[in-house]
């Protein structure tokens, strides 16, 4: 398995976790008395995942000089 395949697999994993967090955050927000601290932690984790996804995507795309 080459580096690009490993990056693609990791991207798939991170995107899946990111989508799952979307669902969890939505369900948590629907309930009236929700834990604000837990919600903040989930949102922070989601942002970290998004940053990781962007980093990996940039490694897959070649640098194009405009």
N, C-alpha and C. Protein backbone atom coordinates (compact mmCIF):
# COMPACT_ATOMS: atom_id res chain seq x y z
N UNK A 1 0.86 -1.17 0.00
CA UNK A 1 0.00 0.00 0.00
C UNK A 1 0.90 1.24 0.00
N UNK A 2 0.70 2.11 -0.97
CA UNK A 2 1.56 3.30 -1.04
C UNK A 2 1.02 4.43 -0.16
N UNK A 3 1.77 5.51 -0.11
CA UNK A 3 1.41 6.61 0.78
C UNK A 3 0.07 7.24 0.42
N UNK A 4 -0.20 7.38 -0.87
CA UNK A 4 -1.48 7.98 -1.28
C UNK A 4 -2.66 7.13 -0.87
N UNK A 5 -2.53 5.82 -0.96
CA UNK A 5 -3.61 4.93 -0.53
C UNK A 5 -3.85 5.05 0.98
N UNK A 6 -2.76 5.16 1.73
CA UNK A 6 -2.90 5.31 3.18
C UNK A 6 -3.57 6.64 3.52
N UNK A 7 -3.21 7.68 2.80
CA UNK A 7 -3.83 8.99 3.03
C UNK A 7 -5.32 8.93 2.70
N UNK A 8 -5.66 8.29 1.60
CA UNK A 8 -7.08 8.17 1.21
C UNK A 8 -7.87 7.38 2.25
N UNK A 9 -7.28 6.31 2.77
CA UNK A 9 -7.96 5.53 3.82
C UNK A 9 -8.17 6.37 5.07
N UNK A 10 -7.14 7.12 5.46
CA UNK A 10 -7.25 7.98 6.64
C UNK A 10 -8.30 9.06 6.42
N UNK A 11 -8.35 9.62 5.20
CA UNK A 11 -9.37 10.63 4.88
C UNK A 11 -10.77 10.05 5.01
N UNK A 12 -10.96 8.85 4.52
CA UNK A 12 -12.27 8.20 4.63
C UNK A 12 -12.66 8.04 6.09
N UNK A 13 -11.71 7.62 6.90
CA UNK A 13 -11.95 7.43 8.33
C UNK A 13 -12.30 8.76 9.01
N UNK A 14 -11.53 9.81 8.72
CA UNK A 14 -11.77 11.12 9.34
C UNK A 14 -13.10 11.72 8.89
N UNK A 15 -13.42 11.58 7.63
CA UNK A 15 -14.70 12.12 7.12
C UNK A 15 -15.88 11.41 7.77
N UNK A 16 -15.74 10.11 7.96
CA UNK A 16 -16.80 9.35 8.62
C UNK A 16 -16.99 9.82 10.06
N UNK A 17 -15.90 9.99 10.77
CA UNK A 17 -15.99 10.47 12.16
C UNK A 17 -16.59 11.88 12.20
N UNK A 18 -16.21 12.71 11.23
CA UNK A 18 -16.73 14.09 11.15
C UNK A 18 -18.25 14.07 10.96
N UNK A 19 -18.73 13.21 10.05
CA UNK A 19 -20.18 13.07 9.82
C UNK A 19 -20.89 12.56 11.06
N UNK A 20 -20.27 11.58 11.72
CA UNK A 20 -20.86 11.03 12.94
C UNK A 20 -20.99 12.11 14.02
N UNK A 21 -19.98 12.95 14.14
CA UNK A 21 -20.04 14.04 15.12
C UNK A 21 -21.16 15.01 14.77
N UNK A 22 -21.37 15.26 13.49
CA UNK A 22 -22.50 16.11 13.07
C UNK A 22 -23.81 15.56 13.64
N UNK A 23 -24.00 14.26 13.48
CA UNK A 23 -25.22 13.63 13.96
C UNK A 23 -25.34 13.71 15.48
N UNK A 24 -24.25 13.44 16.17
CA UNK A 24 -24.26 13.46 17.64
C UNK A 24 -24.56 14.88 18.14
N UNK A 25 -23.92 15.87 17.53
CA UNK A 25 -24.14 17.26 17.93
C UNK A 25 -25.58 17.67 17.68
N UNK A 26 -26.13 17.28 16.55
CA UNK A 26 -27.52 17.62 16.24
C UNK A 26 -28.48 16.98 17.24
N UNK A 27 -28.26 15.71 17.55
CA UNK A 27 -29.13 15.03 18.52
C UNK A 27 -29.00 15.61 19.91
N UNK A 28 -27.78 15.95 20.29
CA UNK A 28 -27.54 16.53 21.62
C UNK A 28 -28.21 17.90 21.73
N UNK A 29 -28.17 18.67 20.67
CA UNK A 29 -28.76 20.01 20.68
C UNK A 29 -30.28 19.98 20.71
N UNK A 30 -30.88 18.90 20.23
CA UNK A 30 -32.34 18.79 20.20
C UNK A 30 -32.93 18.61 21.59
N UNK A 31 -32.17 17.95 22.46
CA UNK A 31 -32.68 17.73 23.81
C UNK A 31 -32.59 19.02 24.61
N UNK A 32 -33.64 19.32 25.34
CA UNK A 32 -33.73 20.60 26.05
C UNK A 32 -32.59 20.82 27.04
N UNK A 33 -32.45 20.01 28.07
CA UNK A 33 -31.32 20.27 28.99
C UNK A 33 -30.07 19.52 28.51
N UNK A 34 -29.28 20.14 27.63
CA UNK A 34 -28.10 19.46 27.15
C UNK A 34 -26.84 19.99 27.84
N UNK A 35 -25.84 19.17 27.84
CA UNK A 35 -24.57 19.49 28.50
C UNK A 35 -23.74 20.40 27.59
N UNK A 36 -23.65 21.66 27.96
CA UNK A 36 -22.95 22.65 27.14
C UNK A 36 -21.46 22.31 26.99
N UNK A 37 -20.85 21.82 28.05
CA UNK A 37 -19.43 21.47 28.01
C UNK A 37 -19.19 20.32 27.03
N UNK A 38 -20.04 19.32 27.08
CA UNK A 38 -19.90 18.19 26.16
C UNK A 38 -20.09 18.67 24.72
N UNK A 39 -21.05 19.54 24.49
CA UNK A 39 -21.30 20.07 23.16
C UNK A 39 -20.07 20.85 22.65
N UNK A 40 -19.46 21.64 23.49
CA UNK A 40 -18.26 22.39 23.10
C UNK A 40 -17.11 21.45 22.76
N UNK A 41 -16.95 20.39 23.54
CA UNK A 41 -15.88 19.43 23.28
C UNK A 41 -16.09 18.72 21.94
N UNK A 42 -17.34 18.36 21.66
CA UNK A 42 -17.64 17.70 20.39
C UNK A 42 -17.37 18.64 19.21
N UNK A 43 -17.76 19.89 19.36
CA UNK A 43 -17.52 20.86 18.28
C UNK A 43 -16.04 21.09 18.08
N UNK A 44 -15.29 21.13 19.16
CA UNK A 44 -13.84 21.31 19.05
C UNK A 44 -13.21 20.11 18.35
N UNK A 45 -13.64 18.91 18.71
CA UNK A 45 -13.15 17.70 18.06
C UNK A 45 -13.46 17.74 16.56
N UNK A 46 -14.66 18.22 16.24
CA UNK A 46 -15.08 18.31 14.84
C UNK A 46 -14.17 19.28 14.07
N UNK A 47 -13.80 20.39 14.69
CA UNK A 47 -12.89 21.34 14.05
C UNK A 47 -11.50 20.74 13.85
N UNK A 48 -11.03 19.98 14.84
CA UNK A 48 -9.73 19.33 14.72
C UNK A 48 -9.76 18.34 13.56
N UNK A 49 -10.84 17.59 13.45
CA UNK A 49 -10.98 16.64 12.34
C UNK A 49 -10.96 17.37 11.01
N UNK A 50 -11.68 18.48 10.94
CA UNK A 50 -11.74 19.25 9.70
C UNK A 50 -10.34 19.73 9.30
N UNK A 51 -9.55 20.19 10.27
CA UNK A 51 -8.19 20.62 9.99
C UNK A 51 -7.33 19.45 9.48
N UNK A 52 -7.50 18.30 10.09
CA UNK A 52 -6.75 17.12 9.65
C UNK A 52 -7.14 16.72 8.23
N UNK A 53 -8.43 16.79 7.94
CA UNK A 53 -8.92 16.46 6.60
C UNK A 53 -8.31 17.40 5.56
N UNK A 54 -8.30 18.68 5.87
CA UNK A 54 -7.74 19.67 4.95
C UNK A 54 -6.25 19.42 4.72
N UNK A 55 -5.53 19.11 5.79
CA UNK A 55 -4.10 18.82 5.66
C UNK A 55 -3.84 17.62 4.76
N UNK A 56 -4.60 16.56 4.97
CA UNK A 56 -4.41 15.36 4.17
C UNK A 56 -4.81 15.59 2.71
N UNK A 57 -5.89 16.32 2.50
CA UNK A 57 -6.31 16.63 1.13
C UNK A 57 -5.23 17.43 0.40
N UNK A 58 -4.60 18.34 1.11
CA UNK A 58 -3.56 19.15 0.48
C UNK A 58 -2.33 18.30 0.14
N UNK A 59 -2.10 17.23 0.87
CA UNK A 59 -0.99 16.32 0.56
C UNK A 59 -1.28 15.49 -0.69
N UNK A 60 -2.57 15.27 -0.97
CA UNK A 60 -2.94 14.49 -2.15
C UNK A 60 -2.88 15.32 -3.42
N UNK A 61 -3.17 16.63 -3.29
CA UNK A 61 -3.20 17.49 -4.46
C UNK A 61 -1.83 18.09 -4.70
N UNK A 62 -1.36 18.04 -5.91
CA UNK A 62 -0.04 18.64 -6.18
C UNK A 62 -0.11 20.16 -6.09
N UNK A 63 1.00 20.77 -5.71
CA UNK A 63 1.06 22.23 -5.67
C UNK A 63 1.05 22.76 -7.09
N UNK A 64 0.11 23.66 -7.36
CA UNK A 64 -0.01 24.24 -8.69
C UNK A 64 0.36 25.71 -8.58
N UNK A 65 1.34 26.10 -9.33
CA UNK A 65 1.75 27.50 -9.34
C UNK A 65 0.92 28.23 -10.38
N UNK A 66 0.17 29.22 -9.93
CA UNK A 66 -0.72 29.93 -10.85
C UNK A 66 0.02 30.99 -11.62
